[in-house]
Amino acid sequence: MTNAQWFLLLGGLLLVMGFTTTVLKRAPVTTAIIYLVVGLMVGPSGLNVFHFNPLKQSALLEVLTEVAVLISLFSAGIKMPAPFSLNRWRAPILLATVSMTITVAMVAAFSYYLLGLPLGAGVLLGAIVAPTDPVLATDVQSRHPGDRDQLRFTLTSEAGMNDGSAFPFVLLGLGLLGLHDLGDGGLRWIMVDVLWATVGGIAIGVLAGHGVARLGWKLRGGAHQHELLDDFLGLGLIGAVYGLAVAMSAWGFLAVFFAAVALRQTELKLATAEQAMTAAHEPRPMVSKGALVFKEHLERLSELCLILLIGGSLFWSSWSWPAISLALFLFLIARPVSVCVGLLGTDIPWRVRGMAGWFGVRGIGSLYYLMYALQHGLPEALGLQLIQLTLIVVALSILLHGISVKPAMSHFWRYGKRSKAP
């Protein structure tokens, strides 16, 4: 496609979406499905006026997906209710650790025994498709800061954490393929890639978010009365935290998510304390609130562009039985089983577990991990195979989860008491 055709396509699509937003909210499909269908129509599956090659453009796609995930993780973190408590966060922590591990193991076994992939490639594929997505799952995630709906909270916080908790398994798969140093007996992988990277990422995020919240609160109050650019502060926090975490070999995705959580919760605690001491009626502006709207706009634009690229990457031949069977195995067996096992012993209602087991939406995070693996020396033949499998998993997730989300969520709220997070 020429530049003029690209501008015409994107501009026309944005105009249509802007004018029909009320109609689309009532429609039985999500915006992601519309973007995917348009991508398929202009791509090699349709008019063939555009073809995006993920293998040749892996470096570009890695950056685009990385930025999209970071923005979405920050938005998700800001929406978390405060204050933090282990009881409240127990379920999503279990989903992001125990359920994540089970999903990776089940997909690795399926890939090794039924798809004929090497063990390392099976583990890598499991790590790529296991994380739920913070970009495409907006219809089942928290809608605003402090949303206490239990299902939305669980899915949002899980998506915020498992994009980081999947990284050790990506490196494990690369290590089994000889592309990453695991150390003697996997010791380096356990100590550095699992323990340090996880703890370090969370610590960096919490400290940075807490510090920015307190500094912003101090500058806006008292004798200072400074005006702050919340959008810049939000983007700056994302960039600084992510860069510092990566430089220190910690998981940057975890750092950004927990920076947003700490930012929001610290500002809420400061606001509560101020109101108790001064009986203030006018709420003070918050960095977290000011930055959220801008991030959501960026999130929508990244969703549109990246899903168009997915549609423009698929041929009719991409819809192979191995790819479709992997997606169905993941959606119908691996995800529900891992959720049920991960939440054993918790007080989460079974209807919430069932919904969480189905709405493990796959998307942009999976594409990032795939591009990351390609950029770290994955052989071309194996890379092409994983690209086909991953793209079909993501495309089917957009279609199946997108078609079912509105009726399923409507039924969930209509027939039964709406559960709230503890």
Protein backbone atom coordinates (compact mmCIF):
# COMPACT_ATOMS: atom_id res chain seq x y z
CA MET A 1 0.00 0.00 0.00
CA THR A 2 1.15 3.53 -0.72
CA ASN A 3 1.33 6.18 1.99
CA ALA A 4 -1.80 7.83 0.57
CA GLN A 5 -3.71 4.54 0.74
CA TRP A 6 -2.57 3.99 4.33
CA PHE A 7 -3.73 7.45 5.38
CA LEU A 8 -7.03 6.89 3.58
CA LEU A 9 -7.58 3.52 5.28
CA LEU A 10 -6.67 4.63 8.80
CA GLY A 11 -8.41 7.99 8.51
CA GLY A 12 -11.57 6.47 7.10
CA LEU A 13 -11.63 3.76 9.76
CA LEU A 14 -11.15 6.32 12.54
CA LEU A 15 -13.96 8.48 11.14
CA VAL A 16 -16.31 5.50 10.96
CA MET A 17 -15.46 4.42 14.51
CA GLY A 18 -15.86 7.97 15.78
CA PHE A 19 -19.28 8.54 14.21
CA THR A 20 -20.70 5.10 15.07
CA THR A 21 -19.52 4.72 18.66
CA THR A 22 -23.07 4.52 20.05
CA VAL A 23 -24.06 1.87 17.51
CA LEU A 24 -20.88 -0.12 18.15
CA LYS A 25 -21.51 -0.17 21.90
CA ARG A 26 -24.81 -1.92 21.22
CA ALA A 27 -23.40 -4.23 18.54
CA PRO A 28 -22.72 -7.89 19.44
CA VAL A 29 -19.07 -7.59 18.35
CA THR A 30 -16.02 -5.74 19.68
CA THR A 31 -14.00 -3.11 17.89
CA ALA A 32 -11.09 -5.57 17.72
CA ILE A 33 -13.18 -7.85 15.48
CA ILE A 34 -13.88 -4.94 13.14
CA TYR A 35 -10.18 -4.09 12.89
CA LEU A 36 -9.29 -7.74 12.25
CA VAL A 37 -11.93 -8.11 9.51
CA VAL A 38 -10.71 -4.94 7.79
CA GLY A 39 -7.12 -6.24 7.99
CA LEU A 40 -8.17 -9.56 6.49
CA MET A 41 -10.06 -7.78 3.70
CA VAL A 42 -7.11 -5.62 2.59
CA GLY A 43 -4.52 -8.31 3.32
CA PRO A 44 -3.52 -11.47 1.42
CA SER A 45 -6.69 -13.23 2.56
CA GLY A 46 -8.81 -10.64 0.70
CA LEU A 47 -7.93 -7.91 -1.78
CA ASN A 48 -4.18 -8.48 -1.28
CA VAL A 49 -3.35 -4.77 -1.46
CA PHE A 50 -1.33 -5.06 1.73
CA HIS A 51 0.87 -7.75 3.26
CA PHE A 52 2.78 -7.41 6.50
CA ASN A 53 5.60 -9.91 7.05
CA PRO A 54 6.21 -10.41 10.80
CA LEU A 55 9.44 -12.32 10.18
CA LYS A 56 11.06 -9.56 8.11
CA GLN A 57 9.58 -6.77 10.25
CA SER A 58 10.13 -8.44 13.63
CA ALA A 59 12.30 -5.58 14.96
CA LEU A 60 9.64 -2.98 14.15
CA LEU A 61 6.80 -5.13 15.47
CA GLU A 62 8.72 -5.83 18.68
CA VAL A 63 8.95 -2.10 19.41
CA LEU A 64 5.32 -1.42 18.49
CA THR A 65 3.96 -4.25 20.63
CA GLU A 66 6.32 -3.38 23.49
CA VAL A 67 5.04 0.21 23.61
CA ALA A 68 1.40 -0.92 23.33
CA VAL A 69 1.75 -3.37 26.22
CA LEU A 70 3.53 -0.81 28.42
CA ILE A 71 0.80 1.79 27.93
CA SER A 72 -1.91 -0.77 28.61
CA LEU A 73 -0.17 -2.08 31.73
CA PHE A 74 0.07 1.44 33.11
CA SER A 75 -3.62 2.06 32.44
CA ALA A 76 -4.54 -1.24 34.08
CA GLY A 77 -2.44 -0.48 37.15
CA ILE A 78 -4.06 2.92 37.68
CA LYS A 79 -7.51 1.30 37.72
CA MET A 80 -6.68 -1.01 40.61
CA PRO A 81 -8.69 -0.36 43.79
CA ALA A 82 -6.83 0.71 46.91
CA PRO A 83 -5.50 -0.15 49.38
CA PHE A 84 -3.44 -3.22 48.50
CA SER A 85 -4.10 -6.31 50.60
CA LEU A 86 -2.99 -9.92 50.22
CA ASN A 87 -6.56 -11.15 50.61
CA ARG A 88 -7.72 -8.93 47.75
CA TRP A 89 -4.82 -9.83 45.45
CA ARG A 90 -4.53 -13.53 46.28
CA ALA A 91 -6.61 -14.76 43.32
CA PRO A 92 -4.85 -12.76 40.57
CA ILE A 93 -1.43 -13.60 42.04
CA LEU A 94 -2.31 -17.30 41.88
CA LEU A 95 -3.54 -16.91 38.31
CA ALA A 96 -0.38 -15.07 37.26
CA THR A 97 1.92 -17.68 38.84
CA VAL A 98 0.36 -21.10 39.40
CA SER A 99 -2.12 -20.96 36.51
CA MET A 100 0.53 -19.43 34.26
CA THR A 101 2.92 -22.30 34.97
CA ILE A 102 0.24 -24.93 34.36
CA THR A 103 -0.78 -23.32 31.07
CA VAL A 104 2.80 -23.19 29.82
CA ALA A 105 3.33 -26.84 30.78
CA MET A 106 0.11 -28.01 29.10
CA VAL A 107 0.79 -26.09 25.87
CA ALA A 108 4.39 -27.34 25.86
CA ALA A 109 3.20 -30.94 26.19
CA PHE A 110 0.58 -30.45 23.44
CA SER A 111 3.17 -28.89 21.14
CA TYR A 112 5.78 -31.57 21.81
CA TYR A 113 3.60 -34.67 21.54
CA LEU A 114 0.95 -33.59 19.01
CA LEU A 115 2.55 -30.84 16.93
CA GLY A 116 6.04 -32.37 16.86
CA LEU A 117 7.87 -29.27 18.07
CA PRO A 118 11.15 -29.54 20.00
CA LEU A 119 10.71 -29.32 23.78
CA GLY A 120 12.33 -25.89 23.94
CA ALA A 121 10.05 -24.60 21.19
CA GLY A 122 7.05 -26.07 23.01
CA VAL A 123 7.97 -24.27 26.24
CA LEU A 124 8.58 -21.07 24.27
CA LEU A 125 5.21 -21.36 22.52
CA GLY A 126 3.53 -21.98 25.87
CA ALA A 127 5.11 -18.84 27.28
CA ILE A 128 4.05 -16.84 24.20
CA VAL A 129 0.37 -17.78 24.29
CA ALA A 130 -0.11 -18.21 28.07
CA PRO A 131 -0.32 -14.53 29.15
CA THR A 132 -3.73 -12.90 29.05
CA ASP A 133 -3.77 -9.57 27.30
CA PRO A 134 -4.15 -6.10 28.84
CA VAL A 135 -4.71 -4.46 25.42
CA LEU A 136 -7.55 -6.44 23.84
CA ALA A 137 -9.42 -7.46 26.99
CA THR A 138 -10.89 -4.05 27.83
CA ASP A 139 -14.46 -5.37 27.73
CA VAL A 140 -13.77 -7.67 30.69
CA GLN A 141 -11.39 -5.42 32.61
CA SER A 142 -11.85 -2.70 35.20
CA ARG A 143 -13.56 0.29 33.61
CA HIS A 144 -12.38 3.03 35.97
CA PRO A 145 -10.09 3.59 38.97
CA GLY A 146 -11.52 1.83 41.99
CA ASP A 147 -13.88 -0.51 40.10
CA ARG A 148 -14.54 -3.19 42.72
CA ASP A 149 -16.23 -5.77 40.53
CA GLN A 150 -14.50 -9.03 41.44
CA LEU A 151 -14.37 -10.53 37.95
CA ARG A 152 -13.06 -7.37 36.32
CA PHE A 153 -10.53 -6.81 39.09
CA THR A 154 -9.25 -10.40 38.89
CA LEU A 155 -8.84 -10.38 35.11
CA THR A 156 -7.27 -6.90 35.01
CA SER A 157 -4.72 -7.51 37.75
CA GLU A 158 -3.90 -10.96 36.34
CA ALA A 159 -3.23 -9.43 32.92
CA GLY A 160 -1.10 -6.75 34.55
CA MET A 161 1.11 -9.31 36.25
CA ASN A 162 1.29 -12.25 33.88
CA ASP A 163 2.87 -10.25 31.08
CA GLY A 164 5.87 -10.14 33.39
CA SER A 165 5.56 -13.60 34.92
CA ALA A 166 5.65 -15.18 31.42
CA PHE A 167 9.13 -13.81 30.72
CA PRO A 168 11.05 -16.47 32.71
CA PHE A 169 9.37 -19.17 30.63
CA VAL A 170 10.27 -17.35 27.41
CA LEU A 171 13.90 -17.41 28.49
CA LEU A 172 13.59 -21.04 29.60
CA GLY A 173 12.34 -22.01 26.14
CA LEU A 174 15.14 -20.03 24.48
CA GLY A 175 17.63 -21.65 26.85
CA LEU A 176 16.45 -25.16 25.95
CA LEU A 177 16.96 -24.18 22.31
CA GLY A 178 20.51 -23.04 23.11
CA LEU A 179 19.73 -19.33 22.72
CA HIS A 180 19.97 -18.24 26.37
CA ASP A 181 22.30 -19.12 29.24
CA LEU A 182 20.38 -21.05 31.90
CA GLY A 183 23.44 -21.80 34.04
CA ASP A 184 24.49 -25.13 35.55
CA GLY A 185 21.39 -27.13 36.30
CA GLY A 186 19.28 -24.04 35.53
CA LEU A 187 20.66 -22.20 38.59
CA ARG A 188 21.19 -18.91 36.78
CA TRP A 189 17.69 -19.06 35.36
CA ILE A 190 16.16 -19.61 38.82
CA MET A 191 18.23 -17.03 40.69
CA VAL A 192 18.38 -14.26 38.06
CA ASP A 193 15.56 -14.74 35.57
CA VAL A 194 12.95 -15.86 38.09
CA LEU A 195 13.74 -14.58 41.58
CA TRP A 196 15.77 -11.41 41.08
CA ALA A 197 13.99 -10.21 37.94
CA THR A 198 10.57 -10.63 39.56
CA VAL A 199 11.36 -9.14 42.97
CA GLY A 200 13.51 -6.42 41.45
CA GLY A 201 10.85 -5.41 38.93
CA ILE A 202 8.13 -5.14 41.57
CA ALA A 203 10.41 -3.21 43.96
CA ILE A 204 11.52 -0.73 41.29
CA GLY A 205 7.94 -0.10 40.25
CA VAL A 206 6.58 0.37 43.77
CA LEU A 207 9.36 2.74 44.83
CA ALA A 208 9.15 4.84 41.66
CA GLY A 209 5.35 5.10 41.69
CA HIS A 210 5.34 6.00 45.38
CA GLY A 211 8.04 8.64 44.86
CA VAL A 212 6.34 10.32 41.90
CA ALA A 213 3.01 10.39 43.75
CA ARG A 214 4.48 12.07 46.83
CA LEU A 215 6.53 14.56 44.83
CA GLY A 216 3.57 15.52 42.66
CA TRP A 217 1.34 15.87 45.72
CA LYS A 218 3.87 18.10 47.46
CA LEU A 219 4.37 20.37 44.45
CA ARG A 220 0.62 20.82 43.94
CA GLY A 221 -0.12 21.60 47.57
CA GLY A 222 0.93 24.06 50.23
CA ALA A 223 2.84 27.13 49.17
CA HIS A 224 4.08 25.61 45.91
CA GLN A 225 0.85 25.34 43.89
CA HIS A 226 2.75 24.13 40.82
CA GLU A 227 0.97 23.14 37.65
CA LEU A 228 1.96 19.67 36.46
CA LEU A 229 1.69 17.98 33.07
CA ASP A 230 0.11 14.69 34.10
CA ASP A 231 0.45 13.15 30.63
CA PHE A 232 4.18 13.83 30.60
CA LEU A 233 4.57 12.53 34.13
CA GLY A 234 2.73 9.33 33.25
CA LEU A 235 4.78 8.72 30.11
CA GLY A 236 7.97 9.70 31.92
CA LEU A 237 7.23 7.25 34.72
CA ILE A 238 6.64 4.46 32.20
CA GLY A 239 9.88 5.19 30.36
CA ALA A 240 12.07 5.70 33.42
CA VAL A 241 10.78 2.66 35.30
CA TYR A 242 10.94 0.37 32.29
CA GLY A 243 14.42 1.54 31.30
CA LEU A 244 15.77 1.18 34.85
CA ALA A 245 14.25 -2.28 35.27
CA VAL A 246 15.64 -3.56 31.96
CA ALA A 247 19.06 -2.07 32.74
CA MET A 248 19.05 -3.96 36.05
CA SER A 249 17.91 -7.25 34.43
CA ALA A 250 14.51 -7.02 36.12
CA TRP A 251 11.12 -7.49 34.46
CA GLY A 252 10.10 -4.10 33.09
CA PHE A 253 6.48 -5.09 32.49
CA LEU A 254 6.04 -5.91 36.17
CA ALA A 255 7.81 -2.69 37.12
CA VAL A 256 5.49 -0.51 35.01
CA PHE A 257 2.32 -2.19 36.25
CA PHE A 258 3.28 -1.90 39.91
CA ALA A 259 4.51 1.67 39.41
CA ALA A 260 1.00 2.57 38.26
CA VAL A 261 -0.56 0.66 41.17
CA ALA A 262 1.71 2.41 43.68
CA LEU A 263 1.11 5.83 42.06
CA ARG A 264 -2.66 5.49 42.30
CA GLN A 265 -2.78 4.01 45.78
CA THR A 266 -0.32 6.50 47.24
CA GLU A 267 -2.31 9.45 45.85
CA LEU A 268 -5.55 8.02 47.24
CA LYS A 269 -3.99 7.60 50.69
CA LEU A 270 -2.65 11.17 50.61
CA ALA A 271 -6.05 12.49 49.53
CA THR A 272 -7.82 10.60 52.31
CA ALA A 273 -5.36 11.88 54.90
CA GLU A 274 -5.71 15.48 53.69
CA GLN A 275 -9.49 15.36 53.77
CA ALA A 276 -9.44 13.96 57.29
CA MET A 277 -7.13 16.75 58.51
CA THR A 278 -8.52 19.76 56.64
CA ALA A 279 -12.09 18.75 55.78
CA ALA A 280 -11.31 19.77 52.20
CA HIS A 281 -14.25 19.60 49.80
CA GLU A 282 -12.38 20.20 46.55
CA PRO A 283 -10.44 17.10 45.50
CA ARG A 284 -6.89 17.88 44.51
CA PRO A 285 -5.82 16.92 40.94
CA MET A 286 -3.97 13.60 40.75
CA VAL A 287 -1.28 12.49 38.34
CA SER A 288 -2.93 9.09 38.00
CA LYS A 289 -6.30 10.53 36.95
CA GLY A 290 -4.84 13.10 34.61
CA ALA A 291 -2.62 10.57 32.85
CA LEU A 292 -5.28 7.87 32.44
CA VAL A 293 -7.41 9.48 29.70
CA PHE A 294 -4.41 10.16 27.46
CA LYS A 295 -3.12 6.59 27.93
CA GLU A 296 -6.51 5.12 27.00
CA HIS A 297 -6.48 7.07 23.72
CA LEU A 298 -3.01 5.74 22.92
CA GLU A 299 -4.20 2.26 23.85
CA ARG A 300 -7.07 2.44 21.35
CA LEU A 301 -4.82 3.69 18.55
CA SER A 302 -2.27 0.94 19.18
CA GLU A 303 -5.05 -1.65 19.20
CA LEU A 304 -6.31 -0.44 15.81
CA CYS A 305 -2.90 -0.40 14.13
CA LEU A 306 -1.62 -3.71 15.50
CA ILE A 307 -4.77 -5.71 14.78
CA LEU A 308 -4.78 -4.35 11.22
CA LEU A 309 -1.24 -5.69 10.92
CA ILE A 310 -2.34 -9.09 12.22
CA GLY A 311 -5.10 -9.26 9.61
CA GLY A 312 -2.63 -8.17 6.96
CA SER A 313 -0.26 -10.99 7.93
CA LEU A 314 -2.66 -13.91 7.45
CA PHE A 315 -3.17 -16.02 4.34
CA TRP A 316 -6.03 -18.49 3.94
CA SER A 317 -3.41 -21.23 4.29
CA SER A 318 -2.50 -19.86 7.72
CA TRP A 319 -5.71 -21.36 9.10
CA SER A 320 -4.18 -24.81 9.38
CA TRP A 321 -5.56 -27.59 11.56
CA PRO A 322 -2.47 -27.61 13.89
CA ALA A 323 -2.93 -23.87 14.56
CA ILE A 324 -6.68 -24.13 15.10
CA SER A 325 -6.32 -27.21 17.33
CA LEU A 326 -3.74 -25.41 19.47
CA ALA A 327 -6.08 -22.45 19.91
CA LEU A 328 -9.04 -24.66 20.84
CA PHE A 329 -6.89 -26.67 23.25
CA LEU A 330 -5.72 -23.46 24.90
CA PHE A 331 -9.19 -21.88 25.16
CA LEU A 332 -11.24 -24.96 26.06
CA ILE A 333 -8.85 -27.10 28.10
CA ALA A 334 -5.58 -25.48 29.19
CA ARG A 335 -7.00 -22.15 30.36
CA PRO A 336 -10.05 -23.50 32.24
CA VAL A 337 -8.03 -26.28 33.89
CA SER A 338 -5.22 -23.95 34.94
CA VAL A 339 -7.71 -21.45 36.41
CA CYS A 340 -9.55 -24.15 38.37
CA VAL A 341 -6.32 -25.60 39.76
CA GLY A 342 -4.80 -22.19 40.49
CA LEU A 343 -7.83 -21.01 42.45
CA LEU A 344 -8.27 -24.17 44.54
CA GLY A 345 -8.65 -23.25 48.18
CA THR A 346 -9.78 -19.69 47.51
CA ASP A 347 -13.24 -18.26 48.20
CA ILE A 348 -13.73 -17.07 44.61
CA PRO A 349 -17.27 -18.03 43.49
CA TRP A 350 -17.41 -20.79 40.87
CA ARG A 351 -19.29 -18.56 38.44
CA VAL A 352 -16.40 -16.08 38.60
CA ARG A 353 -13.90 -18.90 38.08
CA GLY A 354 -15.85 -20.08 35.06
CA MET A 355 -15.85 -16.64 33.48
CA ALA A 356 -12.16 -16.16 34.25
CA GLY A 357 -11.45 -19.56 32.72
CA TRP A 358 -13.07 -18.56 29.45
CA PHE A 359 -11.98 -14.92 29.12
CA GLY A 360 -8.25 -15.46 29.03
CA VAL A 361 -7.94 -13.17 26.00
CA ARG A 362 -4.72 -13.50 23.99
CA GLY A 363 -3.32 -10.61 21.99
CA ILE A 364 -0.58 -8.02 21.78
CA GLY A 365 1.51 -9.44 24.64
CA SER A 366 1.80 -12.75 22.79
CA LEU A 367 3.00 -10.93 19.68
CA TYR A 368 5.64 -9.11 21.71
CA TYR A 369 7.10 -12.30 23.14
CA LEU A 370 7.12 -13.88 19.69
CA MET A 371 9.00 -10.92 18.22
CA TYR A 372 11.36 -10.95 21.20
CA ALA A 373 12.22 -14.59 20.49
CA LEU A 374 12.76 -13.86 16.79
CA GLN A 375 15.11 -11.02 17.66
CA HIS A 376 17.11 -13.30 19.93
CA GLY A 377 18.17 -15.80 17.31
CA LEU A 378 15.20 -18.09 16.76
CA PRO A 379 15.88 -20.12 13.57
CA GLU A 380 13.88 -18.90 10.58
CA ALA A 381 12.04 -22.17 9.90
CA LEU A 382 11.00 -22.54 13.52
CA GLY A 383 10.16 -18.84 13.66
CA LEU A 384 7.79 -19.14 10.70
CA GLN A 385 6.05 -22.08 12.38
CA LEU A 386 5.60 -20.21 15.67
CA ILE A 387 4.40 -17.09 13.82
CA GLN A 388 1.63 -19.05 12.12
CA LEU A 389 0.56 -20.76 15.34
CA THR A 390 0.62 -17.56 17.40
CA LEU A 391 -1.21 -15.38 14.87
CA ILE A 392 -4.05 -17.89 14.56
CA VAL A 393 -4.33 -18.17 18.37
CA VAL A 394 -4.57 -14.37 18.64
CA ALA A 395 -6.99 -14.05 15.70
CA LEU A 396 -9.29 -16.78 17.04
CA SER A 397 -9.15 -15.21 20.50
CA ILE A 398 -10.26 -11.89 19.01
CA LEU A 399 -13.13 -13.61 17.20
CA LEU A 400 -14.35 -16.12 19.80
CA HIS A 401 -13.87 -13.98 22.90
CA GLY A 402 -15.05 -10.88 21.08
CA ILE A 403 -18.29 -12.49 19.94
CA SER A 404 -19.03 -13.99 23.35
CA VAL A 405 -17.99 -11.17 25.68
CA LYS A 406 -21.09 -8.97 25.55
CA PRO A 407 -23.75 -11.71 25.93
CA ALA A 408 -21.66 -13.56 28.52
CA MET A 409 -21.01 -10.48 30.65
CA SER A 410 -24.64 -9.39 30.35
CA HIS A 411 -25.80 -12.83 31.54
CA PHE A 412 -23.19 -12.78 34.31
CA TRP A 413 -24.58 -9.57 35.79
CA ARG A 414 -28.25 -10.22 35.08
CA TYR A 415 -28.55 -13.69 36.60
CA GLY A 416 -26.81 -13.56 39.92
CA LYS A 417 -25.51 -11.08 42.40
CA ARG A 418 -22.69 -8.99 41.06
CA SER A 419 -19.58 -10.02 42.97
CA LYS A 420 -17.27 -7.43 44.42
CA ALA A 421 -13.61 -7.75 45.24
CA PRO A 422 -12.98 -8.24 48.96
